[in-house]
Amino acid sequence: MLHIWMKQNVLFYGMIGAGILGILCMFMVDRFYSRAIRDVRRITEPKGKWTKEFLNQYQMRLTKEQEINNPEAFIRTQLARGKTLGIGIQKWKQGIGYSAVLCFLLILAAVYGTYRYEQAQLLRYEYVLTGAGIFALLLLMKQFMGFMNKEDMILDGLLDYMENTLPARKPVPDEQALKEQTREELIDKVTEGIRQTAASETKFSHMLTPEEEHIMREVIREYLI
């Protein structure tokens, strides 16, 4: 079978086909990221389907008062669900890797075939140069398109948007301050009770000066502690 494929140049066509498939996958990924970046820059008027769905999910969480503990993870999860032409963005990314692997395997098969069927050394070089060239092209194009940088641009833009729209968190009351406030309220109530009693000309009527009232409050505080 391998010999027939080599005679019919199937391995050559396979390498070229793998290269075209990988480039197509790259353009689909780049198309998704470029559209998302444009939408992030005009976040109030997005045109892309993914950005609209992201904003709907985010607004739904805000409406239901569901706290987003990790905004970055939330954005990355939504990015992983992005689609182009009905196919998930992760599938397109995998297609790039599969194309490069397929090209490499075809190179190995071709080199093996030239030794197995004693083909001319020039043909072996043609297979290696063609396959290696396509493999290198895929890697260089992936680096040139800068998918990681584009993903970071989307992430930073959406994080800024979320920071500006997230409702302010309610401060958590300090437990010690809360206890102190409760103690002071209790002291005020006891002091007020004694003051009212003193006002009715009881034996506490002499404890009405500010200095004595301060002493009385300190005694009550020590008792409560």
C-alpha atoms as a PDB file:
ATOM      1  CA  MET A   1       0.000   0.000   0.000  1.00  0.00           C
ATOM      2  CA  LEU A   2       2.784   2.436   0.909  1.00  0.00           C
ATOM      3  CA  HIS A   3       4.548   1.706  -2.359  1.00  0.00           C
ATOM      4  CA  ILE A   4       1.390   2.510  -4.339  1.00  0.00           C
ATOM      5  CA  TRP A   5       0.918   5.740  -2.410  1.00  0.00           C
ATOM      6  CA  MET A   6       4.480   6.776  -3.172  1.00  0.00           C
ATOM      7  CA  LYS A   7       4.046   6.049  -6.881  1.00  0.00           C
ATOM      8  CA  GLN A   8       0.865   8.113  -6.969  1.00  0.00           C
ATOM      9  CA  ASN A   9       2.457  10.933  -4.908  1.00  0.00           C
ATOM     10  CA  VAL A  10      -0.208  10.499  -2.217  1.00  0.00           C
ATOM     11  CA  LEU A  11       2.310  11.376   0.496  1.00  0.00           C
ATOM     12  CA  PHE A  12       3.185  14.627  -1.247  1.00  0.00           C
ATOM     13  CA  TYR A  13      -0.469  15.545  -1.596  1.00  0.00           C
ATOM     14  CA  GLY A  14      -1.055  14.545   2.004  1.00  0.00           C
ATOM     15  CA  MET A  15       1.656  16.913   3.244  1.00  0.00           C
ATOM     16  CA  ILE A  16       0.269  19.758   1.186  1.00  0.00           C
ATOM     17  CA  GLY A  17      -3.264  18.974   2.345  1.00  0.00           C
ATOM     18  CA  ALA A  18      -2.129  18.931   5.990  1.00  0.00           C
ATOM     19  CA  GLY A  19      -0.482  22.313   5.494  1.00  0.00           C
ATOM     20  CA  ILE A  20      -3.619  23.810   3.928  1.00  0.00           C
ATOM     21  CA  LEU A  21      -5.785  22.390   6.720  1.00  0.00           C
ATOM     22  CA  GLY A  22      -3.480  23.837   9.380  1.00  0.00           C
ATOM     23  CA  ILE A  23      -3.479  27.272   7.737  1.00  0.00           C
ATOM     24  CA  LEU A  24      -7.282  27.189   7.466  1.00  0.00           C
ATOM     25  CA  CYS A  25      -7.560  26.389  11.174  1.00  0.00           C
ATOM     26  CA  MET A  26      -5.225  29.267  11.990  1.00  0.00           C
ATOM     27  CA  PHE A  27      -7.300  31.730  10.012  1.00  0.00           C
ATOM     28  CA  MET A  28     -10.467  30.566  11.772  1.00  0.00           C
ATOM     29  CA  VAL A  29      -8.874  31.061  15.188  1.00  0.00           C
ATOM     30  CA  ASP A  30      -7.490  34.442  14.140  1.00  0.00           C
ATOM     31  CA  ARG A  31     -10.896  35.449  12.789  1.00  0.00           C
ATOM     32  CA  PHE A  32     -12.511  34.703  16.144  1.00  0.00           C
ATOM     33  CA  TYR A  33      -9.889  36.575  18.178  1.00  0.00           C
ATOM     34  CA  SER A  34      -9.838  39.590  15.852  1.00  0.00           C
ATOM     35  CA  ARG A  35     -13.607  39.940  16.016  1.00  0.00           C
ATOM     36  CA  ALA A  36     -13.573  39.604  19.812  1.00  0.00           C
ATOM     37  CA  ILE A  37     -10.852  42.279  20.097  1.00  0.00           C
ATOM     38  CA  ARG A  38     -12.898  44.679  17.964  1.00  0.00           C
ATOM     39  CA  ASP A  39     -15.927  44.059  20.174  1.00  0.00           C
ATOM     40  CA  VAL A  40     -13.938  44.635  23.357  1.00  0.00           C
ATOM     41  CA  ARG A  41     -12.919  48.050  22.042  1.00  0.00           C
ATOM     42  CA  ARG A  42     -16.586  48.916  21.516  1.00  0.00           C
ATOM     43  CA  ILE A  43     -17.954  46.872  24.390  1.00  0.00           C
ATOM     44  CA  THR A  44     -21.208  48.847  24.575  1.00  0.00           C
ATOM     45  CA  GLU A  45     -22.074  47.992  20.951  1.00  0.00           C
ATOM     46  CA  PRO A  46     -20.692  44.503  20.222  1.00  0.00           C
ATOM     47  CA  LYS A  47     -21.393  42.844  16.879  1.00  0.00           C
ATOM     48  CA  GLY A  48     -19.893  39.410  17.422  1.00  0.00           C
ATOM     49  CA  LYS A  49     -22.106  36.594  18.645  1.00  0.00           C
ATOM     50  CA  TRP A  50     -19.620  35.416  21.273  1.00  0.00           C
ATOM     51  CA  THR A  51     -19.250  38.869  22.834  1.00  0.00           C
ATOM     52  CA  LYS A  52     -23.006  39.283  23.037  1.00  0.00           C
ATOM     53  CA  GLU A  53     -23.362  35.896  24.730  1.00  0.00           C
ATOM     54  CA  PHE A  54     -20.559  36.765  27.157  1.00  0.00           C
ATOM     55  CA  LEU A  55     -22.246  40.033  28.136  1.00  0.00           C
ATOM     56  CA  ASN A  56     -25.591  38.245  28.540  1.00  0.00           C
ATOM     57  CA  GLN A  57     -24.017  35.659  30.846  1.00  0.00           C
ATOM     58  CA  TYR A  58     -22.300  38.388  32.834  1.00  0.00           C
ATOM     59  CA  GLN A  59     -25.430  40.535  33.163  1.00  0.00           C
ATOM     60  CA  MET A  60     -27.424  37.462  34.186  1.00  0.00           C
ATOM     61  CA  ARG A  61     -24.977  36.822  37.011  1.00  0.00           C
ATOM     62  CA  LEU A  62     -25.242  40.427  38.153  1.00  0.00           C
ATOM     63  CA  THR A  63     -29.046  40.294  38.036  1.00  0.00           C
ATOM     64  CA  LYS A  64     -29.126  37.119  40.124  1.00  0.00           C
ATOM     65  CA  GLU A  65     -26.450  38.592  42.442  1.00  0.00           C
ATOM     66  CA  GLN A  66     -24.174  35.607  41.808  1.00  0.00           C
ATOM     67  CA  GLU A  67     -20.696  36.629  42.876  1.00  0.00           C
ATOM     68  CA  ILE A  68     -17.856  35.989  40.399  1.00  0.00           C
ATOM     69  CA  ASN A  69     -14.952  35.036  42.654  1.00  0.00           C
ATOM     70  CA  ASN A  70     -12.425  34.620  39.828  1.00  0.00           C
ATOM     71  CA  PRO A  71     -13.171  36.947  36.868  1.00  0.00           C
ATOM     72  CA  GLU A  72     -10.167  35.699  34.874  1.00  0.00           C
ATOM     73  CA  ALA A  73     -11.303  32.073  35.105  1.00  0.00           C
ATOM     74  CA  PHE A  74     -14.832  33.155  34.169  1.00  0.00           C
ATOM     75  CA  ILE A  75     -13.575  34.891  31.005  1.00  0.00           C
ATOM     76  CA  ARG A  76     -11.319  31.983  30.001  1.00  0.00           C
ATOM     77  CA  THR A  77     -14.220  29.562  30.435  1.00  0.00           C
ATOM     78  CA  GLN A  78     -16.356  31.681  28.146  1.00  0.00           C
ATOM     79  CA  LEU A  79     -13.493  31.954  25.634  1.00  0.00           C
ATOM     80  CA  ALA A  80     -13.206  28.179  25.485  1.00  0.00           C
ATOM     81  CA  ARG A  81     -16.875  28.058  24.461  1.00  0.00           C
ATOM     82  CA  GLY A  82     -16.345  30.411  21.525  1.00  0.00           C
ATOM     83  CA  LYS A  83     -17.217  29.162  18.048  1.00  0.00           C
ATOM     84  CA  THR A  84     -16.419  29.988  14.434  1.00  0.00           C
ATOM     85  CA  LEU A  85     -18.613  28.608  11.662  1.00  0.00           C
ATOM     86  CA  GLY A  86     -20.350  26.471  14.269  1.00  0.00           C
ATOM     87  CA  ILE A  87     -17.127  24.745  15.356  1.00  0.00           C
ATOM     88  CA  GLY A  88     -15.616  25.380  18.793  1.00  0.00           C
ATOM     89  CA  ILE A  89     -12.475  27.497  18.912  1.00  0.00           C
ATOM     90  CA  GLN A  90     -10.702  24.723  20.807  1.00  0.00           C
ATOM     91  CA  LYS A  91     -11.402  22.339  17.911  1.00  0.00           C
ATOM     92  CA  TRP A  92      -9.834  24.775  15.478  1.00  0.00           C
ATOM     93  CA  LYS A  93      -6.772  25.036  17.723  1.00  0.00           C
ATOM     94  CA  GLN A  94      -6.516  21.280  17.894  1.00  0.00           C
ATOM     95  CA  GLY A  95      -6.742  21.181  14.100  1.00  0.00           C
ATOM     96  CA  ILE A  96      -3.540  23.215  13.879  1.00  0.00           C
ATOM     97  CA  GLY A  97      -1.700  20.727  16.071  1.00  0.00           C
ATOM     98  CA  TYR A  98      -3.143  17.702  14.280  1.00  0.00           C
ATOM     99  CA  SER A  99      -2.078  19.113  10.909  1.00  0.00           C
ATOM    100  CA  ALA A 100       1.510  19.557  12.083  1.00  0.00           C
ATOM    101  CA  VAL A 101       1.585  16.036  13.551  1.00  0.00           C
ATOM    102  CA  LEU A 102       0.115  14.557  10.345  1.00  0.00           C
ATOM    103  CA  CYS A 103       2.731  16.318   8.265  1.00  0.00           C
ATOM    104  CA  PHE A 104       5.497  14.951  10.494  1.00  0.00           C
ATOM    105  CA  LEU A 105       4.112  11.400  10.276  1.00  0.00           C
ATOM    106  CA  LEU A 106       3.938  11.628   6.493  1.00  0.00           C
ATOM    107  CA  ILE A 107       7.597  12.648   6.438  1.00  0.00           C
ATOM    108  CA  LEU A 108       8.521   9.576   8.463  1.00  0.00           C
ATOM    109  CA  ALA A 109       6.422   7.327   6.223  1.00  0.00           C
ATOM    110  CA  ALA A 110       8.014   8.785   3.116  1.00  0.00           C
ATOM    111  CA  VAL A 111      11.566   8.375   4.435  1.00  0.00           C
ATOM    112  CA  TYR A 112      10.800   4.821   5.489  1.00  0.00           C
ATOM    113  CA  GLY A 113       9.344   4.085   2.059  1.00  0.00           C
ATOM    114  CA  THR A 114      12.411   5.366   0.209  1.00  0.00           C
ATOM    115  CA  TYR A 115      14.604   2.998   2.216  1.00  0.00           C
ATOM    116  CA  ARG A 116      12.127   0.121   2.115  1.00  0.00           C
ATOM    117  CA  TYR A 117      11.663   0.205  -1.643  1.00  0.00           C
ATOM    118  CA  GLU A 118      15.149   1.493  -2.448  1.00  0.00           C
ATOM    119  CA  GLN A 119      14.004   4.756  -3.967  1.00  0.00           C
ATOM    120  CA  ALA A 120      16.430   7.370  -5.226  1.00  0.00           C
ATOM    121  CA  GLN A 121      18.091   9.512  -2.582  1.00  0.00           C
ATOM    122  CA  LEU A 122      16.920  12.645  -4.391  1.00  0.00           C
ATOM    123  CA  LEU A 123      13.292  11.586  -3.885  1.00  0.00           C
ATOM    124  CA  ARG A 124      13.952  11.132  -0.176  1.00  0.00           C
ATOM    125  CA  TYR A 125      15.316  14.664   0.019  1.00  0.00           C
ATOM    126  CA  GLU A 126      12.255  15.984  -1.804  1.00  0.00           C
ATOM    127  CA  TYR A 127       9.949  14.370   0.725  1.00  0.00           C
ATOM    128  CA  VAL A 128      11.955  15.674   3.677  1.00  0.00           C
ATOM    129  CA  LEU A 129      12.287  19.203   2.329  1.00  0.00           C
ATOM    130  CA  THR A 130       8.611  19.423   1.386  1.00  0.00           C
ATOM    131  CA  GLY A 131       7.348  18.065   4.685  1.00  0.00           C
ATOM    132  CA  ALA A 132       9.813  20.003   6.817  1.00  0.00           C
ATOM    133  CA  GLY A 133       8.984  23.197   4.938  1.00  0.00           C
ATOM    134  CA  ILE A 134       5.248  22.798   5.539  1.00  0.00           C
ATOM    135  CA  PHE A 135       5.830  21.830   9.181  1.00  0.00           C
ATOM    136  CA  ALA A 136       8.028  24.890   9.747  1.00  0.00           C
ATOM    137  CA  LEU A 137       5.514  27.122   7.957  1.00  0.00           C
ATOM    138  CA  LEU A 138       2.754  26.048  10.320  1.00  0.00           C
ATOM    139  CA  LEU A 139       4.877  26.743  13.379  1.00  0.00           C
ATOM    140  CA  LEU A 140       6.046  30.141  12.100  1.00  0.00           C
ATOM    141  CA  MET A 141       2.551  31.247  11.137  1.00  0.00           C
ATOM    142  CA  LYS A 142       1.229  30.274  14.541  1.00  0.00           C
ATOM    143  CA  GLN A 143       3.928  32.380  16.189  1.00  0.00           C
ATOM    144  CA  PHE A 144       3.391  35.256  13.759  1.00  0.00           C
ATOM    145  CA  MET A 145      -0.356  35.429  14.407  1.00  0.00           C
ATOM    146  CA  GLY A 146       0.280  35.715  18.153  1.00  0.00           C
ATOM    147  CA  PHE A 147      -2.775  33.927  19.470  1.00  0.00           C
ATOM    148  CA  MET A 148      -1.565  34.172  23.065  1.00  0.00           C
ATOM    149  CA  ASN A 149      -1.136  37.953  22.818  1.00  0.00           C
ATOM    150  CA  LYS A 150      -4.586  38.352  21.292  1.00  0.00           C
ATOM    151  CA  GLU A 151      -6.117  36.220  24.007  1.00  0.00           C
ATOM    152  CA  ASP A 152      -4.406  38.385  26.640  1.00  0.00           C
ATOM    153  CA  MET A 153      -5.786  41.533  24.955  1.00  0.00           C
ATOM    154  CA  ILE A 154      -9.314  40.121  25.166  1.00  0.00           C
ATOM    155  CA  LEU A 155      -8.755  39.060  28.762  1.00  0.00           C
ATOM    156  CA  ASP A 156      -7.400  42.465  29.858  1.00  0.00           C
ATOM    157  CA  GLY A 157     -10.187  44.355  28.106  1.00  0.00           C
ATOM    158  CA  LEU A 158     -12.945  42.276  29.647  1.00  0.00           C
ATOM    159  CA  LEU A 159     -11.330  42.363  33.091  1.00  0.00           C
ATOM    160  CA  ASP A 160     -11.309  46.171  32.929  1.00  0.00           C
ATOM    161  CA  TYR A 161     -14.957  46.149  31.900  1.00  0.00           C
ATOM    162  CA  MET A 162     -15.909  43.841  34.760  1.00  0.00           C
ATOM    163  CA  GLU A 163     -13.971  45.879  37.307  1.00  0.00           C
ATOM    164  CA  ASN A 164     -15.836  49.010  36.219  1.00  0.00           C
ATOM    165  CA  THR A 165     -19.266  47.394  36.317  1.00  0.00           C
ATOM    166  CA  LEU A 166     -19.086  45.020  39.289  1.00  0.00           C
ATOM    167  CA  PRO A 167     -21.087  46.329  42.259  1.00  0.00           C
ATOM    168  CA  ALA A 168     -19.020  47.345  45.245  1.00  0.00           C
ATOM    169  CA  ARG A 169     -18.694  44.597  47.779  1.00  0.00           C
ATOM    170  CA  LYS A 170     -20.305  45.214  51.137  1.00  0.00           C
ATOM    171  CA  PRO A 171     -17.619  45.571  53.787  1.00  0.00           C
ATOM    172  CA  VAL A 172     -17.466  42.703  56.208  1.00  0.00           C
ATOM    173  CA  PRO A 173     -18.021  44.079  59.719  1.00  0.00           C
ATOM    174  CA  ASP A 174     -15.110  43.712  62.064  1.00  0.00           C
ATOM    175  CA  GLU A 175     -16.076  41.270  64.808  1.00  0.00           C
ATOM    176  CA  GLN A 176     -14.100  43.105  67.479  1.00  0.00           C
ATOM    177  CA  ALA A 177     -15.570  46.471  66.483  1.00  0.00           C
ATOM    178  CA  LEU A 178     -19.042  44.953  66.514  1.00  0.00           C
ATOM    179  CA  LYS A 179     -18.527  43.636  70.065  1.00  0.00           C
ATOM    180  CA  GLU A 180     -17.237  47.020  71.189  1.00  0.00           C
ATOM    181  CA  GLN A 181     -20.233  48.764  69.655  1.00  0.00           C
ATOM    182  CA  THR A 182     -22.629  46.364  71.387  1.00  0.00           C
ATOM    183  CA  ARG A 183     -20.834  46.906  74.716  1.00  0.00           C
ATOM    184  CA  GLU A 184     -21.048  50.690  74.364  1.00  0.00           C
ATOM    185  CA  GLU A 185     -24.750  50.483  73.550  1.00  0.00           C
ATOM    186  CA  LEU A 186     -25.307  48.368  76.669  1.00  0.00           C
ATOM    187  CA  ILE A 187     -23.337  50.842  78.813  1.00  0.00           C
ATOM    188  CA  ASP A 188     -25.425  53.699  77.417  1.00  0.00           C
ATOM    189  CA  LYS A 189     -28.626  51.861  78.330  1.00  0.00           C
ATOM    190  CA  VAL A 190     -27.452  51.121  81.900  1.00  0.00           C
ATOM    191  CA  THR A 191     -26.220  54.683  82.338  1.00  0.00           C
ATOM    192  CA  GLU A 192     -29.482  56.077  81.015  1.00  0.00           C
ATOM    193  CA  GLY A 193     -31.402  53.848  83.423  1.00  0.00           C
ATOM    194  CA  ILE A 194     -29.348  55.066  86.388  1.00  0.00           C
ATOM    195  CA  ARG A 195     -29.731  58.678  85.239  1.00  0.00           C
ATOM    196  CA  GLN A 196     -33.481  58.319  85.075  1.00  0.00           C
ATOM    197  CA  THR A 197     -33.480  56.718  88.501  1.00  0.00           C
ATOM    198  CA  ALA A 198     -31.341  59.544  89.865  1.00  0.00           C
ATOM    199  CA  ALA A 199     -33.709  62.094  88.401  1.00  0.00           C
ATOM    200  CA  SER A 200     -36.501  60.693  90.580  1.00  0.00           C
ATOM    201  CA  GLU A 201     -34.644  61.830  93.738  1.00  0.00           C
ATOM    202  CA  THR A 202     -33.486  58.432  94.866  1.00  0.00           C
ATOM    203  CA  LYS A 203     -30.266  57.744  96.669  1.00  0.00           C
ATOM    204  CA  PHE A 204     -28.453  57.973  93.307  1.00  0.00           C
ATOM    205  CA  SER A 205     -29.471  61.597  92.811  1.00  0.00           C
ATOM    206  CA  HIS A 206     -25.997  62.804  93.746  1.00  0.00           C
ATOM    207  CA  MET A 207     -24.449  60.877  90.761  1.00  0.00           C
ATOM    208  CA  LEU A 208     -25.394  63.445  88.143  1.00  0.00           C
ATOM    209  CA  THR A 209     -22.129  65.334  87.594  1.00  0.00           C
ATOM    210  CA  PRO A 210     -20.194  64.532  84.361  1.00  0.00           C
ATOM    211  CA  GLU A 211     -17.160  63.355  86.329  1.00  0.00           C
ATOM    212  CA  GLU A 212     -19.178  60.914  88.391  1.00  0.00           C
ATOM    213  CA  GLU A 213     -21.088  59.735  85.345  1.00  0.00           C
ATOM    214  CA  HIS A 214     -17.749  59.000  83.633  1.00  0.00           C
ATOM    215  CA  ILE A 215     -16.654  56.973  86.675  1.00  0.00           C
ATOM    216  CA  MET A 216     -19.931  55.103  86.616  1.00  0.00           C
ATOM    217  CA  ARG A 217     -19.492  54.221  82.918  1.00  0.00           C
ATOM    218  CA  GLU A 218     -15.983  52.927  83.543  1.00  0.00           C
ATOM    219  CA  VAL A 219     -17.237  50.730  86.389  1.00  0.00           C
ATOM    220  CA  ILE A 220     -19.979  49.301  84.175  1.00  0.00           C
ATOM    221  CA  ARG A 221     -17.471  48.691  81.348  1.00  0.00           C
ATOM    222  CA  GLU A 222     -15.122  46.817  83.668  1.00  0.00           C
ATOM    223  CA  TYR A 223     -18.019  44.726  84.865  1.00  0.00           C
ATOM    224  CA  LEU A 224     -19.075  43.832  81.317  1.00  0.00           C
ATOM    225  CA  ILE A 225     -15.530  42.891  80.297  1.00  0.00           C
END
